[in-house]
């Protein structure tokens, strides 16, 4: 779950773990991935095909970087963004330590490929990990979005159940 929202540079984080989005095609030239590649992990730039919902990690000094394979440049983000983000965060072997991340999906590539940050926030909140979110959003805003999204899902499921019972 997101435990704190911070307006600062993620690379100055107190967290030992830094998580960021990468794509299934393994071509990572934008956003935080590009910054990580430029300074810490150059082989990630063109690393080849990766499976959606996986995490690859590399330790450099006192930090461990976790590349979350959560979207495709060709296929976009899909309808299960919440589940993919939760799965990726839950795969990080942080052992209760804080994980720093940014507002995944809010950059140019995320926007043009269909990222829904509200769904992504739900995945972060549903994760068992303790997440520090480096963004301009307040924790209250993030929690409000989470509640709104979960309410929409609950209402849709109730409507679907009602429809199924009526058609029996």
Protein backbone atom coordinates (compact mmCIF):
# COMPACT_ATOMS: atom_id res chain seq x y z
CA UNK A 1 0.00 0.00 0.00
CA UNK A 2 1.07 3.57 -0.56
CA UNK A 3 2.21 4.80 2.86
CA UNK A 4 3.42 8.26 1.83
CA UNK A 5 3.43 10.60 -1.15
CA UNK A 6 6.55 12.70 -1.58
CA UNK A 7 7.35 15.61 -3.90
CA UNK A 8 11.06 15.07 -4.41
CA UNK A 9 13.61 13.30 -6.58
CA UNK A 10 13.18 9.51 -6.34
CA UNK A 11 16.93 8.97 -6.73
CA UNK A 12 17.45 10.72 -3.38
CA UNK A 13 14.99 8.37 -1.68
CA UNK A 14 15.60 6.87 1.74
CA UNK A 15 14.18 3.62 0.33
CA UNK A 16 16.65 0.89 -0.65
CA UNK A 17 14.30 -0.31 -3.40
CA UNK A 18 13.27 1.72 -6.46
CA UNK A 19 10.54 0.34 -8.75
CA UNK A 20 9.66 1.64 -12.20
CA UNK A 21 7.75 0.58 -15.30
CA UNK A 22 9.22 -1.11 -18.36
CA UNK A 23 7.55 -2.64 -21.40
CA UNK A 24 7.23 -6.19 -22.68
CA UNK A 25 9.18 -5.36 -25.83
CA UNK A 26 12.28 -4.59 -23.75
CA UNK A 27 12.89 -1.24 -25.43
CA UNK A 28 13.16 1.25 -22.59
CA UNK A 29 14.08 4.76 -23.67
CA UNK A 30 11.74 6.99 -21.65
CA UNK A 31 10.88 8.22 -18.17
CA UNK A 32 12.39 6.83 -15.01
CA UNK A 33 13.46 3.70 -16.89
CA UNK A 34 15.67 5.88 -19.09
CA UNK A 35 17.18 7.60 -16.04
CA UNK A 36 17.91 4.24 -14.40
CA UNK A 37 19.42 2.92 -17.63
CA UNK A 38 21.59 6.02 -18.12
CA UNK A 39 23.17 5.82 -14.69
CA UNK A 40 22.78 2.35 -13.21
CA UNK A 41 21.57 -0.35 -15.62
CA UNK A 42 22.58 0.23 -19.28
CA UNK A 43 21.81 -3.34 -20.38
CA UNK A 44 18.10 -2.73 -19.67
CA UNK A 45 17.85 -0.28 -22.61
CA UNK A 46 17.32 -3.01 -25.22
CA UNK A 47 16.97 -6.16 -23.13
CA UNK A 48 14.62 -8.13 -25.39
CA UNK A 49 11.14 -9.54 -24.86
CA UNK A 50 9.87 -9.65 -21.28
CA UNK A 51 6.79 -11.36 -19.87
CA UNK A 52 3.96 -9.10 -18.67
CA UNK A 53 3.65 -9.17 -14.89
CA UNK A 54 7.26 -10.03 -14.16
CA UNK A 55 9.95 -8.12 -12.32
CA UNK A 56 13.65 -8.01 -13.04
CA UNK A 57 16.02 -6.53 -10.49
CA UNK A 58 19.55 -5.23 -10.20
CA UNK A 59 21.43 -4.03 -7.13
CA UNK A 60 23.83 -1.12 -7.50
CA UNK A 61 25.54 0.11 -4.36
CA UNK A 62 22.97 0.35 -1.57
CA UNK A 63 19.96 0.47 -3.95
CA UNK A 64 18.09 -2.28 -5.73
CA UNK A 65 16.26 -1.29 -8.90
CA UNK A 66 13.14 -3.26 -9.87
CA UNK A 67 11.85 -3.07 -13.45
CA UNK A 68 8.12 -3.83 -13.42
CA UNK A 69 7.02 -5.30 -16.75
CA UNK A 70 3.54 -3.78 -16.76
CA UNK A 71 2.66 -2.68 -20.30
CA UNK A 72 3.32 -3.13 -23.98
CA UNK A 73 4.37 -0.47 -26.47
CA UNK A 74 2.19 -2.22 -29.04
CA UNK A 75 -0.72 -3.57 -26.96
CA UNK A 76 -0.86 -0.78 -24.39
CA UNK A 77 -1.79 -1.24 -20.74
CA UNK A 78 -4.87 -3.42 -21.10
CA UNK A 79 -7.88 -3.76 -18.84
CA UNK A 80 -6.13 -5.42 -15.90
CA UNK A 81 -3.73 -2.66 -14.88
CA UNK A 82 -4.64 -2.94 -11.19
CA UNK A 83 -3.87 -6.67 -11.11
CA UNK A 84 -0.62 -6.38 -13.08
CA UNK A 85 0.73 -3.56 -10.89
CA UNK A 86 -0.23 -5.41 -7.70
CA UNK A 87 1.37 -8.61 -8.97
CA UNK A 88 4.59 -6.80 -9.91
CA UNK A 89 4.92 -4.99 -6.59
CA UNK A 90 4.13 -8.17 -4.67
CA UNK A 91 6.97 -9.96 -6.51
CA UNK A 92 9.60 -7.52 -5.22
CA UNK A 93 11.65 -9.20 -2.48
CA UNK A 94 11.68 -6.14 -0.19
CA UNK A 95 11.14 -8.04 3.08
CA UNK A 96 9.04 -5.24 4.57
CA UNK A 97 11.41 -2.46 3.51
CA UNK A 98 10.04 0.61 1.75
CA UNK A 99 9.82 0.65 -2.04
CA UNK A 100 10.08 3.99 -3.83
CA UNK A 101 8.23 4.51 -7.10
CA UNK A 102 6.88 7.31 -9.25
CA UNK A 103 3.40 7.99 -10.64
CA UNK A 104 3.66 5.10 -13.11
CA UNK A 105 1.82 5.67 -16.37
CA UNK A 106 1.55 9.47 -16.08
CA UNK A 107 4.40 10.24 -18.47
CA UNK A 108 4.09 10.68 -22.23
CA UNK A 109 4.48 6.98 -23.09
CA UNK A 110 1.97 5.98 -20.42
CA UNK A 111 -0.59 8.50 -21.57
CA UNK A 112 -0.38 7.61 -25.27
CA UNK A 113 -0.46 3.88 -24.56
CA UNK A 114 -3.58 3.93 -22.36
CA UNK A 115 -2.31 3.93 -18.78
CA UNK A 116 -4.98 4.65 -16.17
CA UNK A 117 -3.21 6.02 -13.11
CA UNK A 118 -6.27 5.48 -10.92
CA UNK A 119 -6.14 1.76 -11.69
CA UNK A 120 -2.40 1.76 -11.15
CA UNK A 121 -2.88 3.43 -7.76
CA UNK A 122 -5.37 0.68 -6.86
CA UNK A 123 -2.73 -1.93 -7.67
CA UNK A 124 -0.22 -0.12 -5.47
CA UNK A 125 -2.72 0.12 -2.61
CA UNK A 126 -3.74 -3.54 -2.95
CA UNK A 127 -0.11 -4.68 -2.79
CA UNK A 128 1.24 -5.99 0.49
CA UNK A 129 4.36 -3.83 0.02
CA UNK A 130 5.04 -0.49 1.73
CA UNK A 131 5.32 2.05 -1.09
CA UNK A 132 6.67 5.61 -1.11
CA UNK A 133 5.11 7.36 -4.12
CA UNK A 134 7.16 10.18 -5.58
CA UNK A 135 4.55 12.41 -7.21
CA UNK A 136 2.64 15.67 -6.98
CA UNK A 137 -0.48 13.85 -5.72
CA UNK A 138 -1.29 13.97 -2.02
CA UNK A 139 -1.88 10.76 -0.11
CA UNK A 140 -5.46 11.91 0.53
CA UNK A 141 -6.09 12.28 -3.21
CA UNK A 142 -4.66 8.82 -3.84
CA UNK A 143 -6.82 7.27 -1.13
CA UNK A 144 -9.91 9.06 -2.46
CA UNK A 145 -9.24 7.67 -5.95
CA UNK A 146 -8.74 4.21 -4.51
CA UNK A 147 -12.08 4.34 -2.72
CA UNK A 148 -13.84 5.69 -5.83
CA UNK A 149 -12.40 2.96 -8.07
CA UNK A 150 -13.20 0.17 -5.60
CA UNK A 151 -16.76 1.53 -5.24
CA UNK A 152 -17.20 1.50 -9.04
CA UNK A 153 -16.03 -2.11 -9.19
CA UNK A 154 -18.33 -3.14 -6.35
CA UNK A 155 -21.33 -1.42 -7.97
CA UNK A 156 -20.56 -3.01 -11.35
CA UNK A 157 -20.32 -6.46 -9.73
CA UNK A 158 -23.64 -5.94 -7.92
CA UNK A 159 -25.28 -4.91 -11.18
CA UNK A 160 -23.81 -7.93 -12.96
CA UNK A 161 -24.98 -10.29 -10.18
CA UNK A 162 -28.44 -8.74 -10.30
CA UNK A 163 -28.58 -9.18 -14.06
CA UNK A 164 -27.46 -12.81 -13.81
CA UNK A 165 -30.11 -13.60 -11.19
CA UNK A 166 -32.78 -11.98 -13.33
CA UNK A 167 -31.86 -14.05 -16.36
CA UNK A 168 -32.09 -17.43 -14.57
